[in-house]
């Protein structure tokens, strides 16, 4: 499987870059700074990556959007409980 890579240039504060390099040098070494930057970006965008993975996984799946209500197994008064929660927040 081939991974599509790009080369890019960014302009950032020198102190920020030097601190980043110092922190990742022990974990990745100086040769793998690009890998560290990529992982930092992936971490920031993890929600998009998860959505993309699920989209690929469910690409051919039919998903039912029908919601079937169920009866509670014990008697409850939802409005009373919601009111209690709201009153506690005040």
PDB file of N, CA and C in Angstrom:
ATOM      1  N   UNK A   1       0.852  -1.167   0.000  1.00  0.00           N
ATOM      2  CA  UNK A   1       0.000   0.000   0.000  1.00  0.00           C
ATOM      3  C   UNK A   1       0.900   1.232   0.000  1.00  0.00           C
ATOM      4  N   UNK A   2       0.706   2.098  -0.941  1.00  0.00           N
ATOM      5  CA  UNK A   2       1.499   3.309  -1.082  1.00  0.00           C
ATOM      6  C   UNK A   2       0.835   4.453  -0.321  1.00  0.00           C
ATOM      7  N   UNK A   3       1.650   5.191   0.410  1.00  0.00           N
ATOM      8  CA  UNK A   3       1.146   6.339   1.158  1.00  0.00           C
ATOM      9  C   UNK A   3       1.518   7.593   0.393  1.00  0.00           C
ATOM     10  N   UNK A   4       0.532   8.424   0.139  1.00  0.00           N
ATOM     11  CA  UNK A   4       0.744   9.664  -0.597  1.00  0.00           C
ATOM     12  C   UNK A   4       1.291  10.716   0.359  1.00  0.00           C
ATOM     13  N   UNK A   5       2.522  11.166   0.130  1.00  0.00           N
ATOM     14  CA  UNK A   5       3.171  12.148   1.002  1.00  0.00           C
ATOM     15  C   UNK A   5       3.389  13.447   0.241  1.00  0.00           C
ATOM     16  N   UNK A   6       3.495  14.555   0.977  1.00  0.00           N
ATOM     17  CA  UNK A   6       3.826  15.845   0.378  1.00  0.00           C
ATOM     18  C   UNK A   6       4.977  16.459   1.166  1.00  0.00           C
ATOM     19  N   UNK A   7       5.671  17.369   0.538  1.00  0.00           N
ATOM     20  CA  UNK A   7       6.688  18.156   1.220  1.00  0.00           C
ATOM     21  C   UNK A   7       6.152  19.575   1.299  1.00  0.00           C
ATOM     22  N   UNK A   8       6.278  20.194   2.474  1.00  0.00           N
ATOM     23  CA  UNK A   8       5.713  21.519   2.661  1.00  0.00           C
ATOM     24  C   UNK A   8       6.651  22.384   3.494  1.00  0.00           C
ATOM     25  N   UNK A   9       6.405  23.658   3.486  1.00  0.00           N
ATOM     26  CA  UNK A   9       7.174  24.610   4.281  1.00  0.00           C
ATOM     27  C   UNK A   9       6.213  25.362   5.184  1.00  0.00           C
ATOM     28  N   UNK A  10       6.594  25.519   6.444  1.00  0.00           N
ATOM     29  CA  UNK A  10       5.777  26.293   7.376  1.00  0.00           C
ATOM     30  C   UNK A  10       6.651  27.369   8.011  1.00  0.00           C
ATOM     31  N   UNK A  11       6.015  28.425   8.462  1.00  0.00           N
ATOM     32  CA  UNK A  11       6.727  29.496   9.155  1.00  0.00           C
ATOM     33  C   UNK A  11       6.145  29.578  10.560  1.00  0.00           C
ATOM     34  N   UNK A  12       6.984  29.270  11.560  1.00  0.00           N
ATOM     35  CA  UNK A  12       6.536  29.317  12.953  1.00  0.00           C
ATOM     36  C   UNK A  12       7.612  29.989  13.803  1.00  0.00           C
ATOM     37  N   UNK A  13       7.237  30.318  15.009  1.00  0.00           N
ATOM     38  CA  UNK A  13       8.152  30.941  15.962  1.00  0.00           C
ATOM     39  C   UNK A  13       9.357  30.025  16.201  1.00  0.00           C
ATOM     40  N   UNK A  14      10.559  30.577  16.147  1.00  0.00           N
ATOM     41  CA  UNK A  14      11.786  29.794  16.300  1.00  0.00           C
ATOM     42  C   UNK A  14      11.824  29.071  17.650  1.00  0.00           C
ATOM     43  N   UNK A  15      11.427  29.764  18.722  1.00  0.00           N
ATOM     44  CA  UNK A  15      11.458  29.130  20.044  1.00  0.00           C
ATOM     45  C   UNK A  15      10.505  27.946  20.119  1.00  0.00           C
ATOM     46  N   UNK A  16       9.341  28.074  19.507  1.00  0.00           N
ATOM     47  CA  UNK A  16       8.381  26.965  19.488  1.00  0.00           C
ATOM     48  C   UNK A  16       8.993  25.772  18.766  1.00  0.00           C
ATOM     49  N   UNK A  17       9.618  26.016  17.608  1.00  0.00           N
ATOM     50  CA  UNK A  17      10.219  24.935  16.824  1.00  0.00           C
ATOM     51  C   UNK A  17      11.368  24.273  17.586  1.00  0.00           C
ATOM     52  N   UNK A  18      12.219  25.073  18.205  1.00  0.00           N
ATOM     53  CA  UNK A  18      13.354  24.518  18.947  1.00  0.00           C
ATOM     54  C   UNK A  18      12.875  23.685  20.134  1.00  0.00           C
ATOM     55  N   UNK A  19      11.850  24.148  20.820  1.00  0.00           N
ATOM     56  CA  UNK A  19      11.301  23.383  21.942  1.00  0.00           C
ATOM     57  C   UNK A  19      10.682  22.073  21.456  1.00  0.00           C
ATOM     58  N   UNK A  20       9.960  22.135  20.339  1.00  0.00           N
ATOM     59  CA  UNK A  20       9.370  20.928  19.757  1.00  0.00           C
ATOM     60  C   UNK A  20      10.467  19.923  19.414  1.00  0.00           C
ATOM     61  N   UNK A  21      11.503  20.373  18.727  1.00  0.00           N
ATOM     62  CA  UNK A  21      12.603  19.480  18.343  1.00  0.00           C
ATOM     63  C   UNK A  21      13.276  18.866  19.571  1.00  0.00           C
ATOM     64  N   UNK A  22      13.469  19.672  20.604  1.00  0.00           N
ATOM     65  CA  UNK A  22      14.112  19.161  21.815  1.00  0.00           C
ATOM     66  C   UNK A  22      13.267  18.082  22.483  1.00  0.00           C
ATOM     67  N   UNK A  23      11.960  18.281  22.496  1.00  0.00           N
ATOM     68  CA  UNK A  23      11.075  17.304  23.147  1.00  0.00           C
ATOM     69  C   UNK A  23      10.976  15.999  22.371  1.00  0.00           C
ATOM     70  N   UNK A  24      10.960  16.084  21.056  1.00  0.00           N
ATOM     71  CA  UNK A  24      10.775  14.856  20.273  1.00  0.00           C
ATOM     72  C   UNK A  24      12.093  14.154  19.972  1.00  0.00           C
ATOM     73  N   UNK A  25      13.217  14.816  20.168  1.00  0.00           N
ATOM     74  CA  UNK A  25      14.513  14.210  19.843  1.00  0.00           C
ATOM     75  C   UNK A  25      14.737  12.919  20.620  1.00  0.00           C
ATOM     76  N   UNK A  26      14.333  12.887  21.873  1.00  0.00           N
ATOM     77  CA  UNK A  26      14.551  11.687  22.678  1.00  0.00           C
ATOM     78  C   UNK A  26      13.641  10.543  22.252  1.00  0.00           C
ATOM     79  N   UNK A  27      12.460  10.855  21.771  1.00  0.00           N
ATOM     80  CA  UNK A  27      11.512   9.804  21.386  1.00  0.00           C
ATOM     81  C   UNK A  27      11.725   9.324  19.956  1.00  0.00           C
ATOM     82  N   UNK A  28      11.968  10.245  19.028  1.00  0.00           N
ATOM     83  CA  UNK A  28      12.052   9.902  17.616  1.00  0.00           C
ATOM     84  C   UNK A  28      13.460  10.023  17.045  1.00  0.00           C
ATOM     85  N   UNK A  29      14.294  10.836  17.655  1.00  0.00           N
ATOM     86  CA  UNK A  29      15.586  11.162  17.062  1.00  0.00           C
ATOM     87  C   UNK A  29      15.392  12.287  16.059  1.00  0.00           C
ATOM     88  N   UNK A  30      16.492  12.927  15.699  1.00  0.00           N
ATOM     89  CA  UNK A  30      16.392  14.081  14.803  1.00  0.00           C
ATOM     90  C   UNK A  30      16.035  13.692  13.371  1.00  0.00           C
ATOM     91  N   UNK A  31      16.253  12.440  12.991  1.00  0.00           N
ATOM     92  CA  UNK A  31      15.954  12.021  11.620  1.00  0.00           C
ATOM     93  C   UNK A  31      14.456  11.889  11.376  1.00  0.00           C
ATOM     94  N   UNK A  32      13.682  11.707  12.434  1.00  0.00           N
ATOM     95  CA  UNK A  32      12.246  11.459  12.272  1.00  0.00           C
ATOM     96  C   UNK A  32      11.381  12.627  12.731  1.00  0.00           C
ATOM     97  N   UNK A  33      11.865  13.846  12.552  1.00  0.00           N
ATOM     98  CA  UNK A  33      11.077  15.018  12.943  1.00  0.00           C
ATOM     99  C   UNK A  33       9.778  15.070  12.143  1.00  0.00           C
ATOM    100  N   UNK A  34       9.837  14.721  10.865  1.00  0.00           N
ATOM    101  CA  UNK A  34       8.633  14.710  10.034  1.00  0.00           C
ATOM    102  C   UNK A  34       7.582  13.766  10.577  1.00  0.00           C
ATOM    103  N   UNK A  35       8.035  12.603  11.068  1.00  0.00           N
ATOM    104  CA  UNK A  35       7.104  11.632  11.646  1.00  0.00           C
ATOM    105  C   UNK A  35       6.433  12.218  12.893  1.00  0.00           C
ATOM    106  N   UNK A  36       7.210  12.927  13.709  1.00  0.00           N
ATOM    107  CA  UNK A  36       6.659  13.534  14.922  1.00  0.00           C
ATOM    108  C   UNK A  36       5.642  14.616  14.582  1.00  0.00           C
ATOM    109  N   UNK A  37       5.943  15.423  13.573  1.00  0.00           N
ATOM    110  CA  UNK A  37       5.004  16.465  13.144  1.00  0.00           C
ATOM    111  C   UNK A  37       3.727  15.814  12.630  1.00  0.00           C
ATOM    112  N   UNK A  38       3.865  14.761  11.830  1.00  0.00           N
ATOM    113  CA  UNK A  38       2.694  14.065  11.289  1.00  0.00           C
ATOM    114  C   UNK A  38       1.834  13.493  12.411  1.00  0.00           C
ATOM    115  N   UNK A  39       2.455  12.888  13.417  1.00  0.00           N
ATOM    116  CA  UNK A  39       1.686  12.335  14.534  1.00  0.00           C
ATOM    117  C   UNK A  39       0.986  13.431  15.333  1.00  0.00           C
ATOM    118  N   UNK A  40       1.649  14.577  15.503  1.00  0.00           N
ATOM    119  CA  UNK A  40       1.011  15.697  16.209  1.00  0.00           C
ATOM    120  C   UNK A  40      -0.208  16.190  15.432  1.00  0.00           C
ATOM    121  N   UNK A  41      -0.081  16.268  14.114  1.00  0.00           N
ATOM    122  CA  UNK A  41      -1.213  16.693  13.284  1.00  0.00           C
ATOM    123  C   UNK A  41      -2.342  15.670  13.339  1.00  0.00           C
ATOM    124  N   UNK A  42      -1.996  14.387  13.283  1.00  0.00           N
ATOM    125  CA  UNK A  42      -3.024  13.339  13.361  1.00  0.00           C
ATOM    126  C   UNK A  42      -3.757  13.395  14.697  1.00  0.00           C
ATOM    127  N   UNK A  43      -3.011  13.641  15.772  1.00  0.00           N
ATOM    128  CA  UNK A  43      -3.639  13.737  17.086  1.00  0.00           C
ATOM    129  C   UNK A  43      -4.631  14.898  17.123  1.00  0.00           C
ATOM    130  N   UNK A  44      -4.244  16.003  16.520  1.00  0.00           N
ATOM    131  CA  UNK A  44      -5.127  17.171  16.478  1.00  0.00           C
ATOM    132  C   UNK A  44      -6.365  16.894  15.628  1.00  0.00           C
ATOM    133  N   UNK A  45      -6.207  16.067  14.604  1.00  0.00           N
ATOM    134  CA  UNK A  45      -7.302  15.788  13.672  1.00  0.00           C
ATOM    135  C   UNK A  45      -7.908  14.405  13.884  1.00  0.00           C
ATOM    136  N   UNK A  46      -7.742  13.822  15.062  1.00  0.00           N
ATOM    137  CA  UNK A  46      -8.170  12.444  15.279  1.00  0.00           C
ATOM    138  C   UNK A  46      -9.660  12.244  15.019  1.00  0.00           C
ATOM    139  N   UNK A  47     -10.483  13.245  15.284  1.00  0.00           N
ATOM    140  CA  UNK A  47     -11.911  13.076  15.031  1.00  0.00           C
ATOM    141  C   UNK A  47     -12.179  12.847  13.548  1.00  0.00           C
ATOM    142  N   UNK A  48     -11.446  13.542  12.681  1.00  0.00           N
ATOM    143  CA  UNK A  48     -11.624  13.347  11.242  1.00  0.00           C
ATOM    144  C   UNK A  48     -11.135  11.974  10.805  1.00  0.00           C
ATOM    145  N   UNK A  49     -10.050  11.520  11.399  1.00  0.00           N
ATOM    146  CA  UNK A  49      -9.503  10.206  11.061  1.00  0.00           C
ATOM    147  C   UNK A  49     -10.483   9.110  11.464  1.00  0.00           C
ATOM    148  N   UNK A  50     -11.091   9.232  12.640  1.00  0.00           N
ATOM    149  CA  UNK A  50     -12.057   8.231  13.100  1.00  0.00           C
ATOM    150  C   UNK A  50     -13.265   8.193  12.169  1.00  0.00           C
ATOM    151  N   UNK A  51     -13.767   9.356  11.787  1.00  0.00           N
ATOM    152  CA  UNK A  51     -14.909   9.410  10.866  1.00  0.00           C
ATOM    153  C   UNK A  51     -14.541   8.758   9.541  1.00  0.00           C
ATOM    154  N   UNK A  52     -13.343   9.042   9.039  1.00  0.00           N
ATOM    155  CA  UNK A  52     -12.899   8.456   7.774  1.00  0.00           C
ATOM    156  C   UNK A  52     -12.803   6.938   7.878  1.00  0.00           C
ATOM    157  N   UNK A  53     -12.272   6.432   8.990  1.00  0.00           N
ATOM    158  CA  UNK A  53     -12.151   4.983   9.170  1.00  0.00           C
ATOM    159  C   UNK A  53     -13.526   4.326   9.207  1.00  0.00           C
ATOM    160  N   UNK A  54     -14.457   4.910   9.971  1.00  0.00           N
ATOM    161  CA  UNK A  54     -15.796   4.339  10.037  1.00  0.00           C
ATOM    162  C   UNK A  54     -16.500   4.416   8.688  1.00  0.00           C
ATOM    163  N   UNK A  55     -16.277   5.494   7.959  1.00  0.00           N
ATOM    164  CA  UNK A  55     -16.888   5.629   6.637  1.00  0.00           C
ATOM    165  C   UNK A  55     -16.420   4.518   5.711  1.00  0.00           C
ATOM    166  N   UNK A  56     -15.124   4.237   5.731  1.00  0.00           N
ATOM    167  CA  UNK A  56     -14.590   3.154   4.894  1.00  0.00           C
ATOM    168  C   UNK A  56     -15.136   1.808   5.341  1.00  0.00           C
ATOM    169  N   UNK A  57     -15.195   1.598   6.660  1.00  0.00           N
ATOM    170  CA  UNK A  57     -15.670   0.328   7.197  1.00  0.00           C
ATOM    171  C   UNK A  57     -17.142   0.100   6.866  1.00  0.00           C
ATOM    172  N   UNK A  58     -17.928   1.151   6.938  1.00  0.00           N
ATOM    173  CA  UNK A  58     -19.371   1.026   6.735  1.00  0.00           C
ATOM    174  C   UNK A  58     -19.809   1.373   5.319  1.00  0.00           C
ATOM    175  N   UNK A  59     -18.852   1.498   4.419  1.00  0.00           N
ATOM    176  CA  UNK A  59     -19.133   1.928   3.051  1.00  0.00           C
ATOM    177  C   UNK A  59     -20.244   1.111   2.387  1.00  0.00           C
ATOM    178  N   UNK A  60     -20.209  -0.190   2.544  1.00  0.00           N
ATOM    179  CA  UNK A  60     -21.182  -1.055   1.879  1.00  0.00           C
ATOM    180  C   UNK A  60     -22.262  -1.560   2.826  1.00  0.00           C
ATOM    181  N   UNK A  61     -22.285  -1.052   4.027  1.00  0.00           N
ATOM    182  CA  UNK A  61     -23.266  -1.493   5.014  1.00  0.00           C
ATOM    183  C   UNK A  61     -24.529  -0.642   4.921  1.00  0.00           C
ATOM    184  N   UNK A  62     -25.641  -1.280   5.095  1.00  0.00           N
ATOM    185  CA  UNK A  62     -26.909  -0.563   5.188  1.00  0.00           C
ATOM    186  C   UNK A  62     -27.173  -0.307   6.666  1.00  0.00           C
ATOM    187  N   UNK A  63     -27.316   0.949   7.024  1.00  0.00           N
ATOM    188  CA  UNK A  63     -27.522   1.306   8.417  1.00  0.00           C
ATOM    189  C   UNK A  63     -28.972   1.737   8.605  1.00  0.00           C
ATOM    190  N   UNK A  64     -29.620   1.095   9.540  1.00  0.00           N
ATOM    191  CA  UNK A  64     -31.005   1.435   9.838  1.00  0.00           C
ATOM    192  C   UNK A  64     -31.042   2.682  10.712  1.00  0.00           C
ATOM    193  N   UNK A  65     -31.801   3.654  10.296  1.00  0.00           N
ATOM    194  CA  UNK A  65     -31.940   4.877  11.072  1.00  0.00           C
ATOM    195  C   UNK A  65     -33.255   4.905  11.845  1.00  0.00           C
ATOM    196  N   UNK A  66     -33.904   3.759  11.920  1.00  0.00           N
ATOM    197  CA  UNK A  66     -35.159   3.663  12.648  1.00  0.00           C
ATOM    198  C   UNK A  66     -34.867   3.468  14.128  1.00  0.00           C
ATOM    199  N   UNK A  67     -35.474   4.301  14.946  1.00  0.00           N
ATOM    200  CA  UNK A  67     -35.304   4.191  16.390  1.00  0.00           C
ATOM    201  C   UNK A  67     -36.583   3.603  16.957  1.00  0.00           C
ATOM    202  N   UNK A  68     -36.436   2.504  17.655  1.00  0.00           N
ATOM    203  CA  UNK A  68     -37.584   1.832  18.238  1.00  0.00           C
ATOM    204  C   UNK A  68     -37.630   2.142  19.728  1.00  0.00           C
ATOM    205  N   UNK A  69     -38.688   2.793  20.187  1.00  0.00           N
ATOM    206  CA  UNK A  69     -38.765   3.097  21.616  1.00  0.00           C
ATOM    207  C   UNK A  69     -38.955   1.823  22.435  1.00  0.00           C
ATOM    208  N   UNK A  70     -38.395   1.828  23.626  1.00  0.00           N
ATOM    209  CA  UNK A  70     -38.577   0.687  24.520  1.00  0.00           C
ATOM    210  C   UNK A  70     -39.171   1.190  25.826  1.00  0.00           C
ATOM    211  N   UNK A  71     -39.851   0.311  26.502  1.00  0.00           N
ATOM    212  CA  UNK A  71     -40.443   0.655  27.791  1.00  0.00           C
ATOM    213  C   UNK A  71     -39.395   0.446  28.883  1.00  0.00           C
ATOM    214  N   UNK A  72     -39.345   1.345  29.870  1.00  0.00           N
ATOM    215  CA  UNK A  72     -38.400   1.157  30.968  1.00  0.00           C
ATOM    216  C   UNK A  72     -38.723  -0.107  31.756  1.00  0.00           C
ATOM    217  N   UNK A  73     -37.687  -0.721  32.303  1.00  0.00           N
ATOM    218  CA  UNK A  73     -37.884  -1.945  33.075  1.00  0.00           C
ATOM    219  C   UNK A  73     -38.374  -1.653  34.485  1.00  0.00           C
ATOM    220  N   UNK A  74     -38.157  -0.432  34.950  1.00  0.00           N
ATOM    221  CA  UNK A  74     -38.646  -0.026  36.273  1.00  0.00           C
ATOM    222  C   UNK A  74     -39.428   1.270  36.103  1.00  0.00           C
ATOM    223  N   UNK A  75     -40.395   1.527  36.954  1.00  0.00           N
ATOM    224  CA  UNK A  75     -41.151   2.772  36.832  1.00  0.00           C
ATOM    225  C   UNK A  75     -40.237   3.986  37.071  1.00  0.00           C
ATOM    226  N   UNK A  76     -40.364   4.988  36.213  1.00  0.00           N
ATOM    227  CA  UNK A  76     -39.554   6.199  36.372  1.00  0.00           C
ATOM    228  C   UNK A  76     -40.401   7.422  36.077  1.00  0.00           C
ATOM    229  N   UNK A  77     -39.925   8.549  36.550  1.00  0.00           N
ATOM    230  CA  UNK A  77     -40.536   9.831  36.229  1.00  0.00           C
ATOM    231  C   UNK A  77     -39.408  10.715  35.704  1.00  0.00           C
ATOM    232  N   UNK A  78     -39.184  10.656  34.406  1.00  0.00           N
ATOM    233  CA  UNK A  78     -38.052  11.350  33.793  1.00  0.00           C
ATOM    234  C   UNK A  78     -38.106  12.849  34.035  1.00  0.00           C
ATOM    235  N   UNK A  79     -39.280  13.442  33.975  1.00  0.00           N
ATOM    236  CA  UNK A  79     -39.371  14.891  34.159  1.00  0.00           C
ATOM    237  C   UNK A  79     -38.930  15.293  35.566  1.00  0.00           C
ATOM    238  N   UNK A  80     -39.262  14.484  36.562  1.00  0.00           N
ATOM    239  CA  UNK A  80     -38.849  14.774  37.938  1.00  0.00           C
ATOM    240  C   UNK A  80     -37.332  14.676  38.072  1.00  0.00           C
ATOM    241  N   UNK A  81     -36.737  13.674  37.478  1.00  0.00           N
ATOM    242  CA  UNK A  81     -35.283  13.482  37.551  1.00  0.00           C
ATOM    243  C   UNK A  81     -34.552  14.615  36.840  1.00  0.00           C
ATOM    244  N   UNK A  82     -35.042  15.002  35.672  1.00  0.00           N
ATOM    245  CA  UNK A  82     -34.425  16.113  34.939  1.00  0.00           C
ATOM    246  C   UNK A  82     -34.522  17.391  35.765  1.00  0.00           C
ATOM    247  N   UNK A  83     -35.665  17.637  36.387  1.00  0.00           N
ATOM    248  CA  UNK A  83     -35.846  18.821  37.222  1.00  0.00           C
ATOM    249  C   UNK A  83     -34.848  18.810  38.375  1.00  0.00           C
ATOM    250  N   UNK A  84     -34.641  17.644  39.010  1.00  0.00           N
ATOM    251  CA  UNK A  84     -33.677  17.545  40.114  1.00  0.00           C
ATOM    252  C   UNK A  84     -32.266  17.885  39.635  1.00  0.00           C
ATOM    253  N   UNK A  85     -31.880  17.362  38.486  1.00  0.00           N
ATOM    254  CA  UNK A  85     -30.552  17.663  37.936  1.00  0.00           C
ATOM    255  C   UNK A  85     -30.402  19.155  37.671  1.00  0.00           C
ATOM    256  N   UNK A  86     -31.416  19.752  37.095  1.00  0.00           N
ATOM    257  CA  UNK A  86     -31.352  21.186  36.791  1.00  0.00           C
ATOM    258  C   UNK A  86     -31.278  22.014  38.069  1.00  0.00           C
ATOM    259  N   UNK A  87     -32.057  21.630  39.069  1.00  0.00           N
ATOM    260  CA  UNK A  87     -32.041  22.362  40.337  1.00  0.00           C
ATOM    261  C   UNK A  87     -30.685  22.256  41.026  1.00  0.00           C
ATOM    262  N   UNK A  88     -30.016  21.114  40.903  1.00  0.00           N
ATOM    263  CA  UNK A  88     -28.693  20.931  41.514  1.00  0.00           C
ATOM    264  C   UNK A  88     -27.649  21.823  40.862  1.00  0.00           C
ATOM    265  N   UNK A  89     -27.829  22.161  39.598  1.00  0.00           N
ATOM    266  CA  UNK A  89     -26.843  22.969  38.882  1.00  0.00           C
ATOM    267  C   UNK A  89     -26.945  24.446  39.227  1.00  0.00           C
ATOM    268  N   UNK A  90     -28.029  24.852  39.816  1.00  0.00           N
ATOM    269  CA  UNK A  90     -28.231  26.277  40.128  1.00  0.00           C
ATOM    270  C   UNK A  90     -27.530  26.653  41.398  1.00  0.00           C
TER     271      UNK A  90
END
